[in-house]
C-alpha atoms as a PDB file:
ATOM      1  CA  MET A   1     116.765  80.839 106.094  1.00  0.00           C
ATOM      2  CA  GLY A   2     114.642  78.211 104.414  1.00  0.00           C
ATOM      3  CA  THR A   3     115.150  74.520 104.089  1.00  0.00           C
ATOM      4  CA  GLY A   4     116.202  72.296 101.282  1.00  0.00           C
ATOM      5  CA  ILE A   5     118.426  72.544  98.246  1.00  0.00           C
ATOM      6  CA  HIS A   6     117.645  74.027  94.860  1.00  0.00           C
ATOM      7  CA  LEU A   7     119.522  73.545  91.589  1.00  0.00           C
ATOM      8  CA  VAL A   8     119.421  75.988  88.693  1.00  0.00           C
ATOM      9  CA  GLY A   9     120.738  74.258  85.584  1.00  0.00           C
ATOM     10  CA  HIS A  10     120.912  75.129  81.891  1.00  0.00           C
ATOM     11  CA  GLU A  11     117.191  74.491  81.364  1.00  0.00           C
ATOM     12  CA  PRO A  12     115.067  77.040  83.252  1.00  0.00           C
ATOM     13  CA  LEU A  13     112.208  74.573  83.990  1.00  0.00           C
ATOM     14  CA  LEU A  14     109.545  77.226  83.444  1.00  0.00           C
ATOM     15  CA  TYR A  15     106.248  76.955  81.610  1.00  0.00           C
ATOM     16  CA  ARG A  16     106.803  79.083  78.503  1.00  0.00           C
ATOM     17  CA  GLU A  17     103.068  79.533  77.810  1.00  0.00           C
ATOM     18  CA  LEU A  18     102.518  81.069  81.270  1.00  0.00           C
ATOM     19  CA  THR A  19     103.494  84.532  82.434  1.00  0.00           C
ATOM     20  CA  ALA A  20     106.221  85.136  84.993  1.00  0.00           C
ATOM     21  CA  LEU A  21     103.576  85.827  87.619  1.00  0.00           C
ATOM     22  CA  GLU A  22     101.658  82.635  86.784  1.00  0.00           C
ATOM     23  CA  ASN A  23     104.848  80.534  86.871  1.00  0.00           C
ATOM     24  CA  LEU A  24     105.941  81.841  90.255  1.00  0.00           C
ATOM     25  CA  ASP A  25     102.437  81.586  91.701  1.00  0.00           C
ATOM     26  CA  LEU A  26     102.226  77.954  90.566  1.00  0.00           C
ATOM     27  CA  TYR A  27     105.570  77.076  92.153  1.00  0.00           C
ATOM     28  CA  GLY A  28     104.647  79.053  95.266  1.00  0.00           C
ATOM     29  CA  ARG A  29     101.478  77.002  95.664  1.00  0.00           C
ATOM     30  CA  LEU A  30     103.400  73.761  95.102  1.00  0.00           C
ATOM     31  CA  TYR A  31     105.917  74.727  97.800  1.00  0.00           C
ATOM     32  CA  ARG A  32     103.066  75.968 100.048  1.00  0.00           C
ATOM     33  CA  ILE A  33     104.803  79.273 100.635  1.00  0.00           C
ATOM     34  CA  ASP A  34     103.154  81.598 103.121  1.00  0.00           C
ATOM     35  CA  GLU A  35     102.718  85.134 101.801  1.00  0.00           C
ATOM     36  CA  ARG A  36     103.821  83.955  98.364  1.00  0.00           C
ATOM     37  CA  ARG A  37     102.410  87.001  96.564  1.00  0.00           C
ATOM     38  CA  GLU A  38     104.551  89.366  98.595  1.00  0.00           C
ATOM     39  CA  ARG A  39     107.618  87.180  98.047  1.00  0.00           C
ATOM     40  CA  ILE A  40     106.925  86.916  94.308  1.00  0.00           C
ATOM     41  CA  GLY A  41     106.597  90.686  94.015  1.00  0.00           C
ATOM     42  CA  MET A  42     109.846  91.241  95.904  1.00  0.00           C
ATOM     43  CA  LEU A  43     111.752  88.770  93.716  1.00  0.00           C
ATOM     44  CA  LEU A  44     110.372  90.164  90.455  1.00  0.00           C
ATOM     45  CA  GLU A  45     111.373  93.667  91.568  1.00  0.00           C
ATOM     46  CA  ARG A  46     114.834  92.545  92.683  1.00  0.00           C
ATOM     47  CA  PHE A  47     115.541  90.801  89.368  1.00  0.00           C
ATOM     48  CA  GLY A  48     114.132  93.593  87.190  1.00  0.00           C
ATOM     49  CA  LEU A  49     111.154  91.623  85.894  1.00  0.00           C
ATOM     50  CA  TRP A  50     108.283  93.501  87.529  1.00  0.00           C
ATOM     51  CA  ASP A  51     107.304  95.387  84.370  1.00  0.00           C
ATOM     52  CA  ALA A  52     107.314  92.132  82.352  1.00  0.00           C
ATOM     53  CA  ARG A  53     105.383  90.071  84.905  1.00  0.00           C
ATOM     54  CA  HIS A  54     102.278  89.749  82.692  1.00  0.00           C
ATOM     55  CA  GLN A  55     104.188  88.698  79.553  1.00  0.00           C
ATOM     56  CA  ARG A  56     104.445  85.061  78.543  1.00  0.00           C
ATOM     57  CA  VAL A  57     107.828  83.547  79.247  1.00  0.00           C
ATOM     58  CA  SER A  58     108.041  82.557  75.556  1.00  0.00           C
ATOM     59  CA  SER A  59     108.482  86.268  74.743  1.00  0.00           C
ATOM     60  CA  TYR A  60     111.408  86.669  77.172  1.00  0.00           C
ATOM     61  CA  SER A  61     115.045  86.931  76.150  1.00  0.00           C
ATOM     62  CA  ARG A  62     117.429  84.252  77.404  1.00  0.00           C
ATOM     63  CA  GLY A  63     118.668  86.603  80.132  1.00  0.00           C
ATOM     64  CA  MET A  64     115.154  87.384  81.332  1.00  0.00           C
ATOM     65  CA  THR A  65     114.344  83.665  81.389  1.00  0.00           C
ATOM     66  CA  GLN A  66     117.459  82.958  83.443  1.00  0.00           C
ATOM     67  CA  ARG A  67     116.547  85.704  85.910  1.00  0.00           C
ATOM     68  CA  LEU A  68     113.042  84.264  86.240  1.00  0.00           C
ATOM     69  CA  ALA A  69     114.550  80.809  86.857  1.00  0.00           C
ATOM     70  CA  LEU A  70     116.554  82.365  89.693  1.00  0.00           C
ATOM     71  CA  CYS A  71     113.354  83.883  91.101  1.00  0.00           C
ATOM     72  CA  ARG A  72     111.761  80.438  91.020  1.00  0.00           C
ATOM     73  CA  ALA A  73     114.790  78.917  92.724  1.00  0.00           C
ATOM     74  CA  LEU A  74     114.840  81.513  95.500  1.00  0.00           C
ATOM     75  CA  LEU A  75     111.072  81.539  96.038  1.00  0.00           C
ATOM     76  CA  HIS A  76     111.120  78.946  98.827  1.00  0.00           C
ATOM     77  CA  GLN A  77     114.315  80.362 100.387  1.00  0.00           C
ATOM     78  CA  PRO A  78     116.499  77.250 100.033  1.00  0.00           C
ATOM     79  CA  SER A  79     119.369  76.838 102.460  1.00  0.00           C
ATOM     80  CA  LEU A  80     121.630  75.881  99.526  1.00  0.00           C
ATOM     81  CA  LEU A  81     121.392  77.108  95.930  1.00  0.00           C
ATOM     82  CA  ILE A  82     123.488  75.336  93.295  1.00  0.00           C
ATOM     83  CA  LEU A  83     124.087  77.211  90.050  1.00  0.00           C
END
């Protein structure tokens, strides 16, 4: 289990001009996550976004954006996730 708390609110807090992969890679670098590429791939697969990983977030439906926000929230394995 990781450390820290993460909140997922109404706003997804994603960069709409970036792709899902670019967003998660950016947050992974900010959190200094070891093996972030493997973790990103696993999360995108788990949330059904693997095939859309190279599309800009601005082209995503609301549901896809929410799933990507969950991927971002779970990326650093927080000990508490508030939805």
